[in-house]
Structures are given as structure tokens and as C-alpha cells.
């Protein structure tokens, strides 16, 4: 990701590389699947695990995405609430 940082002109190449990295880490699903349904008192153990895993993977993916941008673009994105979590 260091050699192909997103610079606003290379979106397709950047996204392809990002997906390769995230798929390798088994975290690509975060880009495609929404946040699981909010937990309630009646949520099962499995639902809680799924919810917690999605939040943790989302946090990691967010960091990877920000790290894969040029400094200028990253500085414009850091304050935005683009992702839950």
C-alpha cells in the first residue's frame, strides 16, 4: 500500500490494492456488509460476537484506509465520521 497511496487520480488501482490487502486479512467484508443489527438484551452470544468482530475489523480497516492515502487527503479525512465505530 505504500507505493500506491490514494492521491485522487488513482482510485481504481488504489481500491484494487486495498481489497487485496483486506481480503488477505479476512476483513474485506467490512466494505461490503453493513454494521450488524444493534444489540439488545435478547441478543444471542453469536450475535454479540458478530457485532463485536465487525466493530473491531471496521476499526482496523479504517486505519488501513487512512494509512493508504497521501498525507494531504488523509488530513482532510481524519475528522470525518465516515464509518461507524
C-alpha atoms as a PDB file:
ATOM      1  CA  UNK A   1       0.000   0.000   0.000  1.00  0.00           C
ATOM      2  CA  UNK A   2       2.977   2.334   0.473  1.00  0.00           C
ATOM      3  CA  UNK A   3       3.791   2.519  -3.216  1.00  0.00           C
ATOM      4  CA  UNK A   4       0.238   3.072  -4.424  1.00  0.00           C
ATOM      5  CA  UNK A   5      -1.283   5.546  -1.975  1.00  0.00           C
ATOM      6  CA  UNK A   6      -4.583   7.094  -2.978  1.00  0.00           C
ATOM      7  CA  UNK A   7      -3.878  10.508  -4.500  1.00  0.00           C
ATOM      8  CA  UNK A   8      -7.278  11.356  -6.076  1.00  0.00           C
ATOM      9  CA  UNK A   9      -6.139  10.257  -9.547  1.00  0.00           C
ATOM     10  CA  UNK A  10      -5.601   6.528  -8.986  1.00  0.00           C
ATOM     11  CA  UNK A  11      -8.841   5.388  -7.358  1.00  0.00           C
ATOM     12  CA  UNK A  12      -9.281   2.146  -9.327  1.00  0.00           C
ATOM     13  CA  UNK A  13      -5.703   0.958  -8.716  1.00  0.00           C
ATOM     14  CA  UNK A  14      -5.854   2.013  -5.071  1.00  0.00           C
ATOM     15  CA  UNK A  15      -9.168   0.240  -4.466  1.00  0.00           C
ATOM     16  CA  UNK A  16      -7.950  -2.944  -6.151  1.00  0.00           C
ATOM     17  CA  UNK A  17      -4.847  -2.975  -3.927  1.00  0.00           C
ATOM     18  CA  UNK A  18      -6.889  -2.140  -0.833  1.00  0.00           C
ATOM     19  CA  UNK A  19      -9.249  -5.050  -1.497  1.00  0.00           C
ATOM     20  CA  UNK A  20      -6.298  -7.422  -1.970  1.00  0.00           C
ATOM     21  CA  UNK A  21      -4.886  -6.430   1.420  1.00  0.00           C
ATOM     22  CA  UNK A  22      -8.252  -6.583   3.186  1.00  0.00           C
ATOM     23  CA  UNK A  23      -9.159  -9.926   1.619  1.00  0.00           C
ATOM     24  CA  UNK A  24      -5.798 -11.322   2.768  1.00  0.00           C
ATOM     25  CA  UNK A  25      -6.652 -10.184   6.300  1.00  0.00           C
ATOM     26  CA  UNK A  26     -10.231 -11.549   6.013  1.00  0.00           C
ATOM     27  CA  UNK A  27     -11.573  -8.038   6.586  1.00  0.00           C
ATOM     28  CA  UNK A  28     -12.844  -7.130   3.115  1.00  0.00           C
ATOM     29  CA  UNK A  29     -16.403  -7.863   4.186  1.00  0.00           C
ATOM     30  CA  UNK A  30     -16.426  -4.603   6.164  1.00  0.00           C
ATOM     31  CA  UNK A  31     -16.519  -2.660   2.882  1.00  0.00           C
ATOM     32  CA  UNK A  32     -19.493  -4.622   1.594  1.00  0.00           C
ATOM     33  CA  UNK A  33     -21.623  -5.538   4.597  1.00  0.00           C
ATOM     34  CA  UNK A  34     -23.385  -3.022   6.834  1.00  0.00           C
ATOM     35  CA  UNK A  35     -22.952  -2.857  10.570  1.00  0.00           C
ATOM     36  CA  UNK A  36     -24.868  -5.779  12.075  1.00  0.00           C
ATOM     37  CA  UNK A  37     -28.160  -5.037  13.798  1.00  0.00           C
ATOM     38  CA  UNK A  38     -27.753  -3.212  17.084  1.00  0.00           C
ATOM     39  CA  UNK A  39     -27.550  -5.455  20.104  1.00  0.00           C
ATOM     40  CA  UNK A  40     -30.325  -5.742  22.636  1.00  0.00           C
ATOM     41  CA  UNK A  41     -30.723  -7.556  25.928  1.00  0.00           C
ATOM     42  CA  UNK A  42     -32.102 -10.501  23.985  1.00  0.00           C
ATOM     43  CA  UNK A  43     -29.177 -10.743  21.566  1.00  0.00           C
ATOM     44  CA  UNK A  44     -27.559 -14.145  21.412  1.00  0.00           C
ATOM     45  CA  UNK A  45     -23.918 -14.802  22.199  1.00  0.00           C
ATOM     46  CA  UNK A  46     -23.273 -15.367  18.487  1.00  0.00           C
ATOM     47  CA  UNK A  47     -24.903 -12.027  17.586  1.00  0.00           C
ATOM     48  CA  UNK A  48     -22.721 -10.288  20.162  1.00  0.00           C
ATOM     49  CA  UNK A  49     -19.573 -11.931  18.803  1.00  0.00           C
ATOM     50  CA  UNK A  50     -20.507 -10.990  15.226  1.00  0.00           C
ATOM     51  CA  UNK A  51     -21.245  -7.403  16.232  1.00  0.00           C
ATOM     52  CA  UNK A  52     -18.000  -7.037  18.210  1.00  0.00           C
ATOM     53  CA  UNK A  53     -15.934  -8.614  15.421  1.00  0.00           C
ATOM     54  CA  UNK A  54     -17.424  -6.251  12.828  1.00  0.00           C
ATOM     55  CA  UNK A  55     -16.640  -3.218  15.025  1.00  0.00           C
ATOM     56  CA  UNK A  56     -13.056  -4.372  15.601  1.00  0.00           C
ATOM     57  CA  UNK A  57     -12.470  -5.196  11.930  1.00  0.00           C
ATOM     58  CA  UNK A  58     -14.048  -1.880  10.925  1.00  0.00           C
ATOM     59  CA  UNK A  59     -11.608  -0.031  13.194  1.00  0.00           C
ATOM     60  CA  UNK A  60      -8.679  -1.864  11.612  1.00  0.00           C
ATOM     61  CA  UNK A  61      -9.952  -1.305   8.063  1.00  0.00           C
ATOM     62  CA  UNK A  62     -10.427   2.393   8.794  1.00  0.00           C
ATOM     63  CA  UNK A  63      -6.792   2.607   9.857  1.00  0.00           C
ATOM     64  CA  UNK A  64      -5.603   0.751   6.767  1.00  0.00           C
ATOM     65  CA  UNK A  65      -7.661   3.034   4.518  1.00  0.00           C
ATOM     66  CA  UNK A  66      -6.280   6.180   6.147  1.00  0.00           C
ATOM     67  CA  UNK A  67      -2.719   4.846   6.027  1.00  0.00           C
ATOM     68  CA  UNK A  68      -3.102   4.144   2.316  1.00  0.00           C
ATOM     69  CA  UNK A  69      -3.833   7.784   1.413  1.00  0.00           C
ATOM     70  CA  UNK A  70      -1.462  10.641   0.747  1.00  0.00           C
ATOM     71  CA  UNK A  71      -0.895  12.932   3.724  1.00  0.00           C
ATOM     72  CA  UNK A  72      -2.960  15.704   2.133  1.00  0.00           C
ATOM     73  CA  UNK A  73      -6.007  13.510   1.543  1.00  0.00           C
ATOM     74  CA  UNK A  74      -5.672  11.777   4.916  1.00  0.00           C
ATOM     75  CA  UNK A  75      -5.602  15.105   6.762  1.00  0.00           C
ATOM     76  CA  UNK A  76      -8.930  16.001   5.131  1.00  0.00           C
ATOM     77  CA  UNK A  77     -10.495  12.665   6.116  1.00  0.00           C
ATOM     78  CA  UNK A  78      -9.394  12.142   9.705  1.00  0.00           C
ATOM     79  CA  UNK A  79     -12.026  14.422  11.250  1.00  0.00           C
ATOM     80  CA  UNK A  80     -14.894  12.994   9.216  1.00  0.00           C
ATOM     81  CA  UNK A  81     -17.216  10.370  10.676  1.00  0.00           C
ATOM     82  CA  UNK A  82     -17.127   8.265   7.534  1.00  0.00           C
ATOM     83  CA  UNK A  83     -17.503   4.992   9.364  1.00  0.00           C
ATOM     84  CA  UNK A  84     -19.292   3.837  12.480  1.00  0.00           C
ATOM     85  CA  UNK A  85     -17.154   2.928  15.446  1.00  0.00           C
END
